[in-house]
Amino acid sequence: MTLFWKLTIGIVLGLLVLVFVGLSLMAGSPKDAYGMVRYALPHMRTGKLKVGDDAPDARLVALNGSDHFHIRERTSGKPLVLVFGSFT
């Protein structure tokens, strides 16, 4: 193996380590960075909604965990804010 290829492989591996460290810092831990790369990145896409567009209707699970409802059933034309996350 020539010196050129050894340096190229070393630089590529070094960059991969730097990217992983950067993702770990952004995500909170190496485990979270792995999860982000494994599950989130393949599903990321740019949406087509513009400012002022109506939100698409979605079917959600109620707080009791068994009932389902559509967003439009609960809004009656009023604004609605959905928060996805944990506050514990």
N, C-alpha and C. Protein backbone atom coordinates (compact mmCIF):
# COMPACT_ATOMS: atom_id res chain seq x y z
N MET A 1 0.85 -1.17 0.00
CA MET A 1 0.00 0.00 0.00
C MET A 1 0.90 1.24 0.00
N THR A 2 0.60 2.17 -0.86
CA THR A 2 1.44 3.36 -0.98
C THR A 2 1.11 4.35 0.13
N LEU A 3 2.00 5.31 0.29
CA LEU A 3 1.82 6.36 1.29
C LEU A 3 0.57 7.18 1.00
N PHE A 4 0.27 7.41 -0.28
CA PHE A 4 -0.92 8.18 -0.66
C PHE A 4 -2.19 7.53 -0.11
N TRP A 5 -2.32 6.22 -0.30
CA TRP A 5 -3.52 5.53 0.15
C TRP A 5 -3.60 5.46 1.67
N LYS A 6 -2.47 5.30 2.33
CA LYS A 6 -2.46 5.30 3.80
C LYS A 6 -2.93 6.65 4.34
N LEU A 7 -2.44 7.74 3.74
CA LEU A 7 -2.87 9.07 4.17
C LEU A 7 -4.35 9.31 3.86
N THR A 8 -4.81 8.88 2.71
CA THR A 8 -6.21 9.06 2.33
C THR A 8 -7.13 8.31 3.28
N ILE A 9 -6.80 7.08 3.57
CA ILE A 9 -7.61 6.29 4.50
C ILE A 9 -7.58 6.89 5.89
N GLY A 10 -6.41 7.34 6.32
CA GLY A 10 -6.29 7.99 7.63
C GLY A 10 -7.13 9.25 7.73
N ILE A 11 -7.12 10.06 6.69
CA ILE A 11 -7.90 11.31 6.69
C ILE A 11 -9.39 11.00 6.69
N VAL A 12 -9.83 10.05 5.88
CA VAL A 12 -11.25 9.69 5.83
C VAL A 12 -11.70 9.15 7.19
N LEU A 13 -10.93 8.28 7.79
CA LEU A 13 -11.29 7.76 9.11
C LEU A 13 -11.31 8.86 10.16
N GLY A 14 -10.36 9.76 10.09
CA GLY A 14 -10.33 10.88 11.02
C GLY A 14 -11.56 11.78 10.87
N LEU A 15 -11.97 12.03 9.63
CA LEU A 15 -13.17 12.83 9.40
C LEU A 15 -14.42 12.13 9.91
N LEU A 16 -14.49 10.81 9.72
CA LEU A 16 -15.64 10.06 10.25
C LEU A 16 -15.71 10.14 11.77
N VAL A 17 -14.57 10.05 12.42
CA VAL A 17 -14.54 10.17 13.88
C VAL A 17 -14.98 11.57 14.30
N LEU A 18 -14.52 12.61 13.60
CA LEU A 18 -14.93 13.98 13.92
C LEU A 18 -16.44 14.18 13.72
N VAL A 19 -16.98 13.62 12.67
CA VAL A 19 -18.43 13.73 12.43
C VAL A 19 -19.19 13.02 13.54
N PHE A 20 -18.74 11.84 13.94
CA PHE A 20 -19.41 11.11 15.00
C PHE A 20 -19.33 11.87 16.32
N VAL A 21 -18.19 12.45 16.62
CA VAL A 21 -18.06 13.24 17.85
C VAL A 21 -18.97 14.45 17.81
N GLY A 22 -19.03 15.12 16.65
CA GLY A 22 -19.92 16.27 16.51
C GLY A 22 -21.38 15.88 16.69
N LEU A 23 -21.80 14.78 16.08
CA LEU A 23 -23.17 14.30 16.26
C LEU A 23 -23.44 13.91 17.71
N SER A 24 -22.45 13.32 18.36
CA SER A 24 -22.62 12.95 19.77
C SER A 24 -22.82 14.19 20.64
N LEU A 25 -22.09 15.24 20.36
CA LEU A 25 -22.25 16.48 21.12
C LEU A 25 -23.62 17.10 20.85
N MET A 26 -24.08 17.07 19.61
CA MET A 26 -25.38 17.63 19.27
C MET A 26 -26.51 16.79 19.86
N ALA A 27 -26.40 15.49 19.81
CA ALA A 27 -27.49 14.61 20.23
C ALA A 27 -27.50 14.35 21.73
N GLY A 28 -26.38 14.55 22.39
CA GLY A 28 -26.34 14.34 23.83
C GLY A 28 -25.44 13.20 24.27
N SER A 29 -25.34 12.16 23.47
CA SER A 29 -24.48 11.03 23.82
C SER A 29 -24.21 10.21 22.56
N PRO A 30 -23.18 9.38 22.58
CA PRO A 30 -22.92 8.53 21.40
C PRO A 30 -24.09 7.62 21.05
N LYS A 31 -24.80 7.12 22.07
CA LYS A 31 -25.95 6.25 21.81
C LYS A 31 -27.04 7.03 21.06
N ASP A 32 -27.28 8.28 21.47
CA ASP A 32 -28.28 9.10 20.79
C ASP A 32 -27.84 9.47 19.38
N ALA A 33 -26.54 9.69 19.20
CA ALA A 33 -26.03 10.00 17.87
C ALA A 33 -26.23 8.81 16.94
N TYR A 34 -25.98 7.60 17.44
CA TYR A 34 -26.20 6.40 16.63
C TYR A 34 -27.68 6.28 16.26
N GLY A 35 -28.57 6.53 17.22
CA GLY A 35 -30.00 6.47 16.94
C GLY A 35 -30.42 7.50 15.92
N MET A 36 -29.83 8.70 16.00
CA MET A 36 -30.16 9.76 15.05
C MET A 36 -29.75 9.34 13.63
N VAL A 37 -28.56 8.80 13.50
CA VAL A 37 -28.07 8.40 12.19
C VAL A 37 -28.86 7.19 11.68
N ARG A 38 -29.16 6.27 12.56
CA ARG A 38 -29.82 5.02 12.16
C ARG A 38 -31.29 5.23 11.80
N TYR A 39 -32.00 6.07 12.58
CA TYR A 39 -33.44 6.16 12.39
C TYR A 39 -33.92 7.49 11.82
N ALA A 40 -33.34 8.60 12.23
CA ALA A 40 -33.88 9.91 11.82
C ALA A 40 -33.41 10.34 10.44
N LEU A 41 -32.13 10.25 10.17
CA LEU A 41 -31.61 10.77 8.91
C LEU A 41 -32.22 10.15 7.67
N PRO A 42 -32.47 8.84 7.63
CA PRO A 42 -33.07 8.29 6.41
C PRO A 42 -34.49 8.78 6.15
N HIS A 43 -35.18 9.27 7.18
CA HIS A 43 -36.57 9.68 7.04
C HIS A 43 -36.75 11.19 6.93
N MET A 44 -35.67 11.94 7.03
CA MET A 44 -35.78 13.40 6.93
C MET A 44 -36.08 13.79 5.49
N ARG A 45 -36.99 14.72 5.35
CA ARG A 45 -37.29 15.24 4.03
C ARG A 45 -37.87 16.64 4.20
N THR A 46 -37.83 17.40 3.16
CA THR A 46 -38.36 18.75 3.19
C THR A 46 -39.84 18.69 2.86
N GLY A 47 -40.65 19.32 3.69
CA GLY A 47 -42.08 19.33 3.47
C GLY A 47 -42.47 20.35 2.41
N LYS A 48 -43.74 20.32 2.03
CA LYS A 48 -44.23 21.21 0.99
C LYS A 48 -45.15 22.30 1.54
N LEU A 49 -45.32 22.34 2.87
CA LEU A 49 -46.19 23.35 3.45
C LEU A 49 -45.53 24.72 3.39
N LYS A 50 -46.34 25.72 3.16
CA LYS A 50 -45.89 27.10 3.15
C LYS A 50 -46.56 27.82 4.31
N VAL A 51 -46.04 28.97 4.68
CA VAL A 51 -46.63 29.78 5.74
C VAL A 51 -48.06 30.12 5.35
N GLY A 52 -49.01 29.89 6.24
CA GLY A 52 -50.41 30.18 5.98
C GLY A 52 -51.21 28.99 5.50
N ASP A 53 -50.55 27.89 5.10
CA ASP A 53 -51.27 26.70 4.66
C ASP A 53 -51.93 26.02 5.87
N ASP A 54 -53.06 25.36 5.60
CA ASP A 54 -53.68 24.56 6.64
C ASP A 54 -52.83 23.33 6.90
N ALA A 55 -52.78 22.93 8.15
CA ALA A 55 -52.04 21.72 8.50
C ALA A 55 -52.78 20.51 7.96
N PRO A 56 -52.07 19.50 7.52
CA PRO A 56 -52.74 18.29 7.04
C PRO A 56 -53.45 17.60 8.20
N ASP A 57 -54.59 17.00 7.91
CA ASP A 57 -55.33 16.29 8.94
C ASP A 57 -54.57 15.01 9.29
N ALA A 58 -54.57 14.68 10.56
CA ALA A 58 -53.86 13.49 11.02
C ALA A 58 -54.73 12.78 12.05
N ARG A 59 -54.56 11.51 12.15
CA ARG A 59 -55.26 10.71 13.15
C ARG A 59 -54.34 10.54 14.34
N LEU A 60 -54.81 10.95 15.52
CA LEU A 60 -54.00 10.91 16.73
C LEU A 60 -54.61 9.98 17.75
N VAL A 61 -53.79 9.56 18.71
CA VAL A 61 -54.25 8.72 19.82
C VAL A 61 -54.58 9.64 20.98
N ALA A 62 -55.74 9.43 21.60
CA ALA A 62 -56.14 10.23 22.75
C ALA A 62 -55.28 9.89 23.97
N LEU A 63 -55.41 10.71 25.00
CA LEU A 63 -54.60 10.50 26.20
C LEU A 63 -54.88 9.18 26.89
N ASN A 64 -56.08 8.62 26.71
CA ASN A 64 -56.37 7.34 27.36
C ASN A 64 -55.68 6.17 26.67
N GLY A 65 -55.09 6.42 25.49
CA GLY A 65 -54.31 5.41 24.80
C GLY A 65 -55.08 4.47 23.91
N SER A 66 -56.41 4.51 23.97
CA SER A 66 -57.18 3.58 23.15
C SER A 66 -58.06 4.28 22.11
N ASP A 67 -58.53 5.48 22.42
CA ASP A 67 -59.37 6.21 21.47
C ASP A 67 -58.51 6.95 20.45
N HIS A 68 -59.04 7.07 19.24
CA HIS A 68 -58.37 7.81 18.18
C HIS A 68 -59.29 8.93 17.70
N PHE A 69 -58.72 10.01 17.21
CA PHE A 69 -59.51 11.11 16.67
C PHE A 69 -58.69 11.83 15.61
N HIS A 70 -59.38 12.58 14.77
CA HIS A 70 -58.73 13.39 13.76
C HIS A 70 -58.60 14.82 14.28
N ILE A 71 -57.53 15.49 13.90
CA ILE A 71 -57.29 16.85 14.37
C ILE A 71 -58.48 17.75 14.06
N ARG A 72 -59.01 17.66 12.87
CA ARG A 72 -60.10 18.55 12.45
C ARG A 72 -61.35 18.37 13.31
N GLU A 73 -61.54 17.20 13.92
CA GLU A 73 -62.70 16.99 14.80
C GLU A 73 -62.62 17.85 16.05
N ARG A 74 -61.43 18.15 16.51
CA ARG A 74 -61.25 18.85 17.78
C ARG A 74 -61.03 20.36 17.64
N THR A 75 -60.70 20.83 16.46
CA THR A 75 -60.34 22.25 16.34
C THR A 75 -61.54 23.15 16.09
N SER A 76 -62.51 22.74 15.34
CA SER A 76 -63.68 23.56 15.01
C SER A 76 -63.27 24.91 14.45
N GLY A 77 -62.22 24.94 13.66
CA GLY A 77 -61.77 26.18 13.05
C GLY A 77 -60.92 27.06 13.94
N LYS A 78 -60.69 26.64 15.19
CA LYS A 78 -59.86 27.41 16.11
C LYS A 78 -58.41 26.96 15.99
N PRO A 79 -57.48 27.82 16.38
CA PRO A 79 -56.06 27.41 16.34
C PRO A 79 -55.79 26.25 17.29
N LEU A 80 -54.85 25.43 16.93
CA LEU A 80 -54.48 24.27 17.73
C LEU A 80 -52.96 24.16 17.74
N VAL A 81 -52.39 23.92 18.91
CA VAL A 81 -50.95 23.73 19.03
C VAL A 81 -50.72 22.31 19.54
N LEU A 82 -49.93 21.55 18.81
CA LEU A 82 -49.56 20.20 19.22
C LEU A 82 -48.10 20.22 19.67
N VAL A 83 -47.85 19.70 20.86
CA VAL A 83 -46.49 19.62 21.39
C VAL A 83 -46.12 18.16 21.48
N PHE A 84 -45.07 17.77 20.76
CA PHE A 84 -44.58 16.40 20.78
C PHE A 84 -43.31 16.40 21.62
N GLY A 85 -43.38 15.80 22.76
CA GLY A 85 -42.20 15.77 23.61
C GLY A 85 -42.56 15.35 25.01
N SER A 86 -41.57 15.31 25.87
CA SER A 86 -41.77 14.92 27.24
C SER A 86 -41.36 16.07 28.15
N PHE A 87 -42.13 16.29 29.18
CA PHE A 87 -41.82 17.36 30.12
C PHE A 87 -41.48 16.82 31.48
N THR A 88 -41.03 15.58 31.53
CA THR A 88 -40.69 14.99 32.82
C THR A 88 -39.20 14.98 33.03
